[in-house]
């Protein structure tokens, strides 16, 4: 069995959604980031604090595909810190929208 290196490799749906997101246009990524950031309303304050510590540590310095885009980095970190059930729901909705290649669907995900 291969070792899972990334936090989202544990859930195949989350992994597929993020891999597909990585391949999207900047416009679609921005809309997806906006959707993911809506999770902030449902995440506790201590998680938000950890999020900002992580962002300040890696922004522009990391090797991950989203480290150079501050909005996308915040969105992905928010998703990473969300509870597993919320991650899976967000990933399913994101995956459906991305697979349909319709960024308009991202607006209807809330």
N, C-alpha and C. Protein backbone atom coordinates (compact mmCIF):
# COMPACT_ATOMS: atom_id res chain seq x y z
N UNK A 1 0.84 -1.18 0.00
CA UNK A 1 0.00 0.00 0.00
C UNK A 1 0.88 1.24 0.00
N UNK A 2 0.49 2.24 -0.78
CA UNK A 2 1.30 3.45 -0.85
C UNK A 2 0.99 4.37 0.32
N UNK A 3 2.01 5.06 0.75
CA UNK A 3 1.87 5.98 1.86
C UNK A 3 1.20 7.26 1.38
N UNK A 4 0.27 7.75 2.15
CA UNK A 4 -0.44 8.97 1.79
C UNK A 4 0.36 10.17 2.29
N UNK A 5 0.78 11.01 1.36
CA UNK A 5 1.63 12.14 1.71
C UNK A 5 0.83 13.39 2.05
N UNK A 6 -0.30 13.58 1.39
CA UNK A 6 -1.05 14.81 1.55
C UNK A 6 -2.28 14.56 2.42
N UNK A 7 -2.68 15.57 3.15
CA UNK A 7 -3.80 15.43 4.08
C UNK A 7 -5.06 14.97 3.38
N UNK A 8 -5.26 15.34 2.14
CA UNK A 8 -6.50 15.00 1.45
C UNK A 8 -6.47 13.65 0.75
N UNK A 9 -5.35 12.96 0.80
CA UNK A 9 -5.26 11.63 0.20
C UNK A 9 -6.06 10.58 0.97
N UNK A 10 -6.43 10.88 2.20
CA UNK A 10 -7.17 9.93 3.03
C UNK A 10 -8.57 9.67 2.49
N UNK A 11 -9.15 10.66 1.83
CA UNK A 11 -10.51 10.54 1.30
C UNK A 11 -10.44 10.60 -0.22
N UNK A 12 -10.82 9.52 -0.91
CA UNK A 12 -10.69 9.50 -2.38
C UNK A 12 -11.51 10.58 -3.08
N UNK A 13 -12.64 10.94 -2.53
CA UNK A 13 -13.45 11.99 -3.15
C UNK A 13 -12.80 13.35 -2.98
N UNK A 14 -12.30 13.60 -1.80
CA UNK A 14 -11.61 14.87 -1.55
C UNK A 14 -10.36 14.96 -2.42
N UNK A 15 -9.61 13.87 -2.51
CA UNK A 15 -8.40 13.83 -3.34
C UNK A 15 -8.76 14.13 -4.80
N UNK A 16 -9.79 13.48 -5.31
CA UNK A 16 -10.17 13.68 -6.71
C UNK A 16 -10.63 15.12 -6.96
N UNK A 17 -11.41 15.67 -6.02
CA UNK A 17 -11.89 17.05 -6.17
C UNK A 17 -10.73 18.03 -6.22
N UNK A 18 -9.75 17.87 -5.34
CA UNK A 18 -8.62 18.79 -5.32
C UNK A 18 -7.70 18.60 -6.52
N UNK A 19 -7.55 17.37 -6.97
CA UNK A 19 -6.73 17.13 -8.17
C UNK A 19 -7.40 17.76 -9.39
N UNK A 20 -8.71 17.64 -9.48
CA UNK A 20 -9.44 18.25 -10.59
C UNK A 20 -9.41 19.77 -10.49
N UNK A 21 -9.54 20.30 -9.28
CA UNK A 21 -9.48 21.74 -9.08
C UNK A 21 -8.13 22.30 -9.53
N UNK A 22 -7.08 21.56 -9.26
CA UNK A 22 -5.73 22.00 -9.62
C UNK A 22 -5.61 22.25 -11.13
N UNK A 23 -6.40 21.55 -11.94
CA UNK A 23 -6.31 21.64 -13.39
C UNK A 23 -7.22 22.70 -14.00
N UNK A 24 -8.01 23.37 -13.19
CA UNK A 24 -9.00 24.32 -13.69
C UNK A 24 -8.38 25.67 -14.04
N UNK A 25 -9.18 26.49 -14.74
CA UNK A 25 -8.75 27.85 -15.08
C UNK A 25 -8.69 28.69 -13.81
N UNK A 26 -8.00 29.80 -13.88
CA UNK A 26 -7.91 30.69 -12.72
C UNK A 26 -9.28 31.19 -12.30
N UNK A 27 -10.16 31.45 -13.26
CA UNK A 27 -11.51 31.94 -12.94
C UNK A 27 -12.30 30.88 -12.15
N UNK A 28 -12.23 29.64 -12.61
CA UNK A 28 -12.94 28.56 -11.92
C UNK A 28 -12.33 28.33 -10.55
N UNK A 29 -11.00 28.41 -10.45
CA UNK A 29 -10.35 28.25 -9.14
C UNK A 29 -10.81 29.34 -8.17
N UNK A 30 -10.94 30.56 -8.68
CA UNK A 30 -11.37 31.67 -7.82
C UNK A 30 -12.79 31.44 -7.31
N UNK A 31 -13.67 30.97 -8.18
CA UNK A 31 -15.04 30.70 -7.78
C UNK A 31 -15.09 29.54 -6.78
N UNK A 32 -14.26 28.53 -7.01
CA UNK A 32 -14.20 27.40 -6.09
C UNK A 32 -13.67 27.85 -4.74
N UNK A 33 -12.66 28.71 -4.75
CA UNK A 33 -12.10 29.22 -3.49
C UNK A 33 -13.16 29.99 -2.71
N UNK A 34 -13.96 30.80 -3.41
CA UNK A 34 -15.04 31.53 -2.74
C UNK A 34 -16.00 30.56 -2.07
N UNK A 35 -16.35 29.50 -2.78
CA UNK A 35 -17.26 28.50 -2.21
C UNK A 35 -16.64 27.85 -0.97
N UNK A 36 -15.40 27.44 -1.08
CA UNK A 36 -14.75 26.76 0.04
C UNK A 36 -14.63 27.69 1.25
N UNK A 37 -14.37 28.97 0.97
CA UNK A 37 -14.22 29.92 2.07
C UNK A 37 -15.52 30.14 2.84
N UNK A 38 -16.63 29.78 2.25
CA UNK A 38 -17.90 29.87 2.97
C UNK A 38 -17.91 28.91 4.17
N UNK A 39 -17.04 27.94 4.15
CA UNK A 39 -16.93 27.02 5.28
C UNK A 39 -16.50 27.75 6.55
N UNK A 40 -15.86 28.89 6.37
CA UNK A 40 -15.35 29.66 7.51
C UNK A 40 -16.47 29.95 8.50
N UNK A 41 -17.67 30.13 7.99
CA UNK A 41 -18.80 30.43 8.87
C UNK A 41 -19.12 29.27 9.81
N UNK A 42 -18.66 28.07 9.45
CA UNK A 42 -19.01 26.88 10.22
C UNK A 42 -17.82 26.32 11.02
N UNK A 43 -16.69 26.98 10.99
CA UNK A 43 -15.48 26.48 11.64
C UNK A 43 -15.18 27.33 12.88
N UNK A 44 -14.75 26.70 13.94
CA UNK A 44 -14.49 27.37 15.21
C UNK A 44 -13.34 28.37 15.13
N UNK A 45 -13.33 29.31 16.05
CA UNK A 45 -12.33 30.38 16.06
C UNK A 45 -10.91 29.87 16.20
N UNK A 46 -10.69 28.82 16.99
CA UNK A 46 -9.33 28.30 17.14
C UNK A 46 -8.81 27.71 15.84
N UNK A 47 -9.71 27.16 15.05
CA UNK A 47 -9.32 26.63 13.75
C UNK A 47 -8.93 27.78 12.83
N UNK A 48 -9.67 28.88 12.89
CA UNK A 48 -9.38 30.05 12.07
C UNK A 48 -7.99 30.60 12.43
N UNK A 49 -7.68 30.64 13.72
CA UNK A 49 -6.37 31.13 14.16
C UNK A 49 -5.25 30.24 13.58
N UNK A 50 -5.44 28.94 13.65
CA UNK A 50 -4.45 28.01 13.09
C UNK A 50 -4.32 28.22 11.58
N UNK A 51 -5.42 28.50 10.94
CA UNK A 51 -5.43 28.76 9.50
C UNK A 51 -4.51 29.93 9.16
N UNK A 52 -4.64 31.02 9.88
CA UNK A 52 -3.82 32.19 9.59
C UNK A 52 -2.35 31.96 9.92
N UNK A 53 -2.06 31.17 10.93
CA UNK A 53 -0.67 30.82 11.22
C UNK A 53 -0.06 30.03 10.05
N UNK A 54 -0.82 29.08 9.53
CA UNK A 54 -0.35 28.27 8.42
C UNK A 54 -0.13 29.12 7.18
N UNK A 55 -1.07 30.01 6.90
CA UNK A 55 -0.95 30.87 5.73
C UNK A 55 0.29 31.74 5.82
N UNK A 56 0.52 32.34 6.99
CA UNK A 56 1.69 33.21 7.12
C UNK A 56 2.99 32.41 7.00
N UNK A 57 2.95 31.15 7.37
CA UNK A 57 4.14 30.30 7.30
C UNK A 57 4.48 29.90 5.85
N UNK A 58 3.47 29.56 5.05
CA UNK A 58 3.72 28.99 3.73
C UNK A 58 3.47 29.90 2.55
N UNK A 59 2.72 30.98 2.71
CA UNK A 59 2.33 31.78 1.57
C UNK A 59 3.55 32.24 0.75
N UNK A 60 3.55 31.84 -0.50
CA UNK A 60 4.62 32.20 -1.41
C UNK A 60 5.91 31.42 -1.19
N UNK A 61 5.96 30.55 -0.19
CA UNK A 61 7.19 29.83 0.12
C UNK A 61 7.05 28.33 -0.05
N UNK A 62 5.84 27.84 -0.08
CA UNK A 62 5.62 26.40 -0.12
C UNK A 62 5.74 25.82 -1.52
N UNK A 63 5.73 24.51 -1.58
CA UNK A 63 5.83 23.80 -2.84
C UNK A 63 4.49 23.31 -3.37
N UNK A 64 3.43 23.51 -2.60
CA UNK A 64 2.13 23.02 -3.01
C UNK A 64 1.58 23.90 -4.13
N UNK A 65 0.75 23.32 -4.99
CA UNK A 65 0.26 24.04 -6.16
C UNK A 65 -0.54 25.29 -5.79
N UNK A 66 -1.05 25.37 -4.60
CA UNK A 66 -1.89 26.50 -4.21
C UNK A 66 -1.18 27.52 -3.33
N UNK A 67 0.08 27.31 -3.01
CA UNK A 67 0.80 28.19 -2.09
C UNK A 67 1.03 29.60 -2.62
N UNK A 68 1.04 29.79 -3.93
CA UNK A 68 1.33 31.10 -4.49
C UNK A 68 0.09 31.95 -4.73
N UNK A 69 -1.07 31.41 -4.47
CA UNK A 69 -2.32 32.14 -4.62
C UNK A 69 -2.93 32.28 -3.23
N UNK A 70 -2.89 33.47 -2.63
CA UNK A 70 -3.33 33.62 -1.25
C UNK A 70 -4.79 33.24 -1.02
N UNK A 71 -5.67 33.51 -1.95
CA UNK A 71 -7.08 33.16 -1.78
C UNK A 71 -7.26 31.65 -1.85
N UNK A 72 -6.62 31.02 -2.83
CA UNK A 72 -6.73 29.57 -2.97
C UNK A 72 -6.08 28.88 -1.78
N UNK A 73 -4.97 29.41 -1.31
CA UNK A 73 -4.30 28.82 -0.16
C UNK A 73 -5.21 28.87 1.07
N UNK A 74 -5.85 30.01 1.28
CA UNK A 74 -6.76 30.14 2.42
C UNK A 74 -7.93 29.16 2.27
N UNK A 75 -8.45 29.04 1.06
CA UNK A 75 -9.58 28.14 0.82
C UNK A 75 -9.19 26.69 1.09
N UNK A 76 -8.05 26.26 0.58
CA UNK A 76 -7.63 24.87 0.74
C UNK A 76 -7.30 24.58 2.21
N UNK A 77 -6.67 25.53 2.88
CA UNK A 77 -6.38 25.34 4.31
C UNK A 77 -7.67 25.28 5.12
N UNK A 78 -8.66 26.09 4.74
CA UNK A 78 -9.96 26.04 5.42
C UNK A 78 -10.57 24.65 5.24
N UNK A 79 -10.48 24.13 4.05
CA UNK A 79 -11.01 22.80 3.78
C UNK A 79 -10.25 21.75 4.58
N UNK A 80 -8.95 21.89 4.65
CA UNK A 80 -8.12 20.93 5.39
C UNK A 80 -8.49 20.90 6.87
N UNK A 81 -8.81 22.06 7.42
CA UNK A 81 -9.09 22.16 8.85
C UNK A 81 -10.55 21.88 9.20
N UNK A 82 -11.39 21.76 8.20
CA UNK A 82 -12.80 21.49 8.45
C UNK A 82 -12.97 20.05 8.94
N UNK A 83 -14.05 19.77 9.64
CA UNK A 83 -14.32 18.40 10.06
C UNK A 83 -14.45 17.47 8.85
N UNK A 84 -14.07 16.20 8.98
CA UNK A 84 -14.11 15.27 7.85
C UNK A 84 -15.45 15.21 7.12
N UNK A 85 -16.53 15.26 7.86
CA UNK A 85 -17.85 15.20 7.21
C UNK A 85 -18.05 16.42 6.31
N UNK A 86 -17.64 17.59 6.80
CA UNK A 86 -17.77 18.82 6.02
C UNK A 86 -16.84 18.78 4.81
N UNK A 87 -15.63 18.23 5.00
CA UNK A 87 -14.70 18.08 3.87
C UNK A 87 -15.33 17.26 2.76
N UNK A 88 -15.92 16.16 3.15
CA UNK A 88 -16.49 15.24 2.17
C UNK A 88 -17.67 15.88 1.43
N UNK A 89 -18.55 16.56 2.16
CA UNK A 89 -19.68 17.23 1.52
C UNK A 89 -19.19 18.30 0.54
N UNK A 90 -18.24 19.11 0.99
CA UNK A 90 -17.70 20.16 0.12
C UNK A 90 -17.02 19.55 -1.10
N UNK A 91 -16.27 18.48 -0.89
CA UNK A 91 -15.57 17.83 -2.00
C UNK A 91 -16.55 17.25 -3.01
N UNK A 92 -17.62 16.63 -2.53
CA UNK A 92 -18.62 16.07 -3.45
C UNK A 92 -19.26 17.16 -4.30
N UNK A 93 -19.65 18.25 -3.66
CA UNK A 93 -20.28 19.35 -4.40
C UNK A 93 -19.30 19.98 -5.38
N UNK A 94 -18.07 20.17 -4.93
CA UNK A 94 -17.05 20.75 -5.78
C UNK A 94 -16.74 19.84 -6.95
N UNK A 95 -16.62 18.56 -6.68
CA UNK A 95 -16.33 17.59 -7.72
C UNK A 95 -17.43 17.56 -8.78
N UNK A 96 -18.66 17.56 -8.34
CA UNK A 96 -19.78 17.56 -9.30
C UNK A 96 -19.73 18.79 -10.20
N UNK A 97 -19.50 19.95 -9.60
CA UNK A 97 -19.45 21.18 -10.38
C UNK A 97 -18.27 21.18 -11.35
N UNK A 98 -17.11 20.73 -10.88
CA UNK A 98 -15.92 20.73 -11.73
C UNK A 98 -16.04 19.70 -12.85
N UNK A 99 -16.60 18.55 -12.55
CA UNK A 99 -16.75 17.53 -13.58
C UNK A 99 -17.71 17.98 -14.66
N UNK A 100 -18.68 18.77 -14.32
CA UNK A 100 -19.62 19.29 -15.30
C UNK A 100 -19.02 20.48 -16.04
N UNK A 101 -17.85 20.90 -15.59
CA UNK A 101 -17.13 22.03 -16.20
C UNK A 101 -18.02 23.25 -16.29
N UNK A 102 -18.81 23.43 -15.27
CA UNK A 102 -19.71 24.56 -15.24
C UNK A 102 -19.48 25.34 -13.95
N UNK A 103 -18.76 26.42 -14.06
CA UNK A 103 -18.48 27.20 -12.86
C UNK A 103 -19.74 27.87 -12.34
N UNK A 104 -20.78 27.94 -13.14
CA UNK A 104 -22.04 28.52 -12.67
C UNK A 104 -22.61 27.66 -11.54
N UNK A 105 -22.35 26.38 -11.57
CA UNK A 105 -22.86 25.48 -10.52
C UNK A 105 -22.25 25.80 -9.17
N UNK A 106 -21.07 26.39 -9.16
CA UNK A 106 -20.43 26.71 -7.88
C UNK A 106 -21.23 27.74 -7.11
N UNK A 107 -21.91 28.62 -7.81
CA UNK A 107 -22.71 29.64 -7.14
C UNK A 107 -23.92 29.02 -6.45
N UNK A 108 -24.39 27.87 -6.93
CA UNK A 108 -25.58 27.24 -6.38
C UNK A 108 -25.26 26.23 -5.28
N UNK A 109 -24.03 26.15 -4.84
CA UNK A 109 -23.64 25.11 -3.89
C UNK A 109 -23.97 25.44 -2.44
N UNK A 110 -24.25 26.68 -2.15
CA UNK A 110 -24.44 27.03 -0.75
C UNK A 110 -25.63 26.42 -0.10
